């Protein structure tokens, strides 16, 4: 069963809260900068799967893509960005761009 971005975001927040990472004294403070850093690191791990070839193990790729998506959802949420609206607006702007 598929979930909406809102449902996935709520699930992500529940997980982070359950780990105690939203606590003020967390060893892993969930600041926008820290989340953006983690997002970049996870994106690099996607690239690492393709480091020596054109194929990536499907299960590993799925896991890394999920990590990227979770950090993206979290960053959008904690910064007050409506990701669905931002994506739609960006696509609309891109249609008007010359490449």
C-alpha atoms as a PDB file:
ATOM      1  CA  UNK A   1       0.000   0.000   0.000  1.00  0.00           C
ATOM      2  CA  UNK A   2       1.421   3.362  -1.039  1.00  0.00           C
ATOM      3  CA  UNK A   3       1.615   6.267   1.371  1.00  0.00           C
ATOM      4  CA  UNK A   4       1.387   9.973   0.678  1.00  0.00           C
ATOM      5  CA  UNK A   5       4.290  12.343   1.285  1.00  0.00           C
ATOM      6  CA  UNK A   6       2.424  13.638   4.338  1.00  0.00           C
ATOM      7  CA  UNK A   7       2.073  10.122   5.746  1.00  0.00           C
ATOM      8  CA  UNK A   8       5.729   9.325   5.061  1.00  0.00           C
ATOM      9  CA  UNK A   9       6.761  12.592   6.698  1.00  0.00           C
ATOM     10  CA  UNK A  10       4.692  11.749   9.780  1.00  0.00           C
ATOM     11  CA  UNK A  11       6.256   8.269   9.889  1.00  0.00           C
ATOM     12  CA  UNK A  12       9.728   9.814   9.605  1.00  0.00           C
ATOM     13  CA  UNK A  13       9.028  12.258  12.441  1.00  0.00           C
ATOM     14  CA  UNK A  14       7.703   9.420  14.611  1.00  0.00           C
ATOM     15  CA  UNK A  15      10.881   7.421  13.990  1.00  0.00           C
ATOM     16  CA  UNK A  16      13.196  10.363  14.744  1.00  0.00           C
ATOM     17  CA  UNK A  17      11.238  11.184  17.894  1.00  0.00           C
ATOM     18  CA  UNK A  18      11.296   7.533  18.997  1.00  0.00           C
ATOM     19  CA  UNK A  19      15.100   7.558  18.706  1.00  0.00           C
ATOM     20  CA  UNK A  20      15.222  10.694  20.875  1.00  0.00           C
ATOM     21  CA  UNK A  21      16.898  12.754  18.166  1.00  0.00           C
ATOM     22  CA  UNK A  22      14.483  15.676  18.585  1.00  0.00           C
ATOM     23  CA  UNK A  23      15.392  15.986  22.274  1.00  0.00           C
ATOM     24  CA  UNK A  24      17.231  19.211  23.151  1.00  0.00           C
ATOM     25  CA  UNK A  25      20.193  17.242  24.518  1.00  0.00           C
ATOM     26  CA  UNK A  26      20.374  14.793  21.591  1.00  0.00           C
ATOM     27  CA  UNK A  27      23.796  13.715  20.400  1.00  0.00           C
ATOM     28  CA  UNK A  28      22.287  14.001  16.909  1.00  0.00           C
ATOM     29  CA  UNK A  29      20.616  17.434  16.857  1.00  0.00           C
ATOM     30  CA  UNK A  30      18.114  17.638  14.033  1.00  0.00           C
ATOM     31  CA  UNK A  31      18.973  21.126  12.820  1.00  0.00           C
ATOM     32  CA  UNK A  32      18.430  22.081   9.179  1.00  0.00           C
ATOM     33  CA  UNK A  33      22.206  22.212   8.646  1.00  0.00           C
ATOM     34  CA  UNK A  34      22.752  18.761  10.148  1.00  0.00           C
ATOM     35  CA  UNK A  35      19.885  17.284   8.145  1.00  0.00           C
ATOM     36  CA  UNK A  36      21.213  18.901   4.925  1.00  0.00           C
ATOM     37  CA  UNK A  37      24.648  17.442   5.671  1.00  0.00           C
ATOM     38  CA  UNK A  38      23.137  13.997   6.181  1.00  0.00           C
ATOM     39  CA  UNK A  39      21.141  14.371   2.960  1.00  0.00           C
ATOM     40  CA  UNK A  40      24.320  15.115   1.036  1.00  0.00           C
ATOM     41  CA  UNK A  41      26.156  12.182   2.592  1.00  0.00           C
ATOM     42  CA  UNK A  42      23.314   9.801   1.726  1.00  0.00           C
ATOM     43  CA  UNK A  43      23.216  11.124  -1.860  1.00  0.00           C
ATOM     44  CA  UNK A  44      26.948  10.399  -2.103  1.00  0.00           C
ATOM     45  CA  UNK A  45      26.235   6.848  -0.963  1.00  0.00           C
ATOM     46  CA  UNK A  46      23.880   6.484  -3.945  1.00  0.00           C
ATOM     47  CA  UNK A  47      26.710   7.620  -6.214  1.00  0.00           C
ATOM     48  CA  UNK A  48      29.109   5.230  -4.498  1.00  0.00           C
ATOM     49  CA  UNK A  49      26.948   2.305  -5.637  1.00  0.00           C
ATOM     50  CA  UNK A  50      27.781   3.309  -9.225  1.00  0.00           C
ATOM     51  CA  UNK A  51      31.452   4.039  -8.560  1.00  0.00           C
ATOM     52  CA  UNK A  52      32.827   1.179 -10.639  1.00  0.00           C
ATOM     53  CA  UNK A  53      30.044   0.411 -13.073  1.00  0.00           C
ATOM     54  CA  UNK A  54      26.732   1.223 -14.642  1.00  0.00           C
ATOM     55  CA  UNK A  55      24.684  -1.081 -12.410  1.00  0.00           C
ATOM     56  CA  UNK A  56      23.926  -0.946  -8.702  1.00  0.00           C
ATOM     57  CA  UNK A  57      22.586  -3.744  -6.524  1.00  0.00           C
ATOM     58  CA  UNK A  58      18.823  -3.131  -6.490  1.00  0.00           C
ATOM     59  CA  UNK A  59      18.338  -3.717  -2.743  1.00  0.00           C
ATOM     60  CA  UNK A  60      21.253  -1.459  -1.800  1.00  0.00           C
ATOM     61  CA  UNK A  61      20.058   1.236  -4.196  1.00  0.00           C
ATOM     62  CA  UNK A  62      16.539   1.089  -2.784  1.00  0.00           C
ATOM     63  CA  UNK A  63      17.891   1.513   0.739  1.00  0.00           C
ATOM     64  CA  UNK A  64      20.080   4.472  -0.147  1.00  0.00           C
ATOM     65  CA  UNK A  65      17.315   6.171  -2.135  1.00  0.00           C
ATOM     66  CA  UNK A  66      15.020   5.723   0.854  1.00  0.00           C
ATOM     67  CA  UNK A  67      17.628   7.357   3.105  1.00  0.00           C
ATOM     68  CA  UNK A  68      17.860  10.324   0.711  1.00  0.00           C
ATOM     69  CA  UNK A  69      14.071  10.636   0.571  1.00  0.00           C
ATOM     70  CA  UNK A  70      13.707  10.495   4.351  1.00  0.00           C
ATOM     71  CA  UNK A  71      16.260  13.255   4.908  1.00  0.00           C
ATOM     72  CA  UNK A  72      14.649  15.308   2.121  1.00  0.00           C
ATOM     73  CA  UNK A  73      11.207  14.943   3.710  1.00  0.00           C
ATOM     74  CA  UNK A  74      12.623  15.860   7.107  1.00  0.00           C
ATOM     75  CA  UNK A  75      14.513  18.909   5.833  1.00  0.00           C
ATOM     76  CA  UNK A  76      11.460  20.195   3.988  1.00  0.00           C
ATOM     77  CA  UNK A  77       9.291  19.659   7.048  1.00  0.00           C
ATOM     78  CA  UNK A  78      11.544  21.261   9.659  1.00  0.00           C
ATOM     79  CA  UNK A  79      12.113  24.294   7.411  1.00  0.00           C
ATOM     80  CA  UNK A  80       8.417  24.736   6.619  1.00  0.00           C
ATOM     81  CA  UNK A  81       8.686  23.881   2.926  1.00  0.00           C
ATOM     82  CA  UNK A  82       5.654  22.258   1.301  1.00  0.00           C
ATOM     83  CA  UNK A  83       7.636  19.783  -0.795  1.00  0.00           C
ATOM     84  CA  UNK A  84       4.744  18.875  -3.077  1.00  0.00           C
ATOM     85  CA  UNK A  85       4.131  22.555  -3.839  1.00  0.00           C
ATOM     86  CA  UNK A  86       7.858  23.245  -4.274  1.00  0.00           C
ATOM     87  CA  UNK A  87       8.220  20.363  -6.734  1.00  0.00           C
ATOM     88  CA  UNK A  88       5.174  21.441  -8.747  1.00  0.00           C
ATOM     89  CA  UNK A  89       6.403  25.051  -8.860  1.00  0.00           C
ATOM     90  CA  UNK A  90       9.920  23.993  -9.893  1.00  0.00           C
ATOM     91  CA  UNK A  91       8.588  21.786 -12.686  1.00  0.00           C
ATOM     92  CA  UNK A  92       6.441  24.664 -13.932  1.00  0.00           C
ATOM     93  CA  UNK A  93       9.457  27.032 -13.935  1.00  0.00           C
ATOM     94  CA  UNK A  94      11.578  24.421 -15.695  1.00  0.00           C
ATOM     95  CA  UNK A  95       9.096  24.194 -18.562  1.00  0.00           C
ATOM     96  CA  UNK A  96       9.813  27.860 -19.285  1.00  0.00           C
ATOM     97  CA  UNK A  97      13.591  27.498 -19.168  1.00  0.00           C
ATOM     98  CA  UNK A  98      15.837  27.129 -22.182  1.00  0.00           C
ATOM     99  CA  UNK A  99      18.362  24.347 -21.690  1.00  0.00           C
END
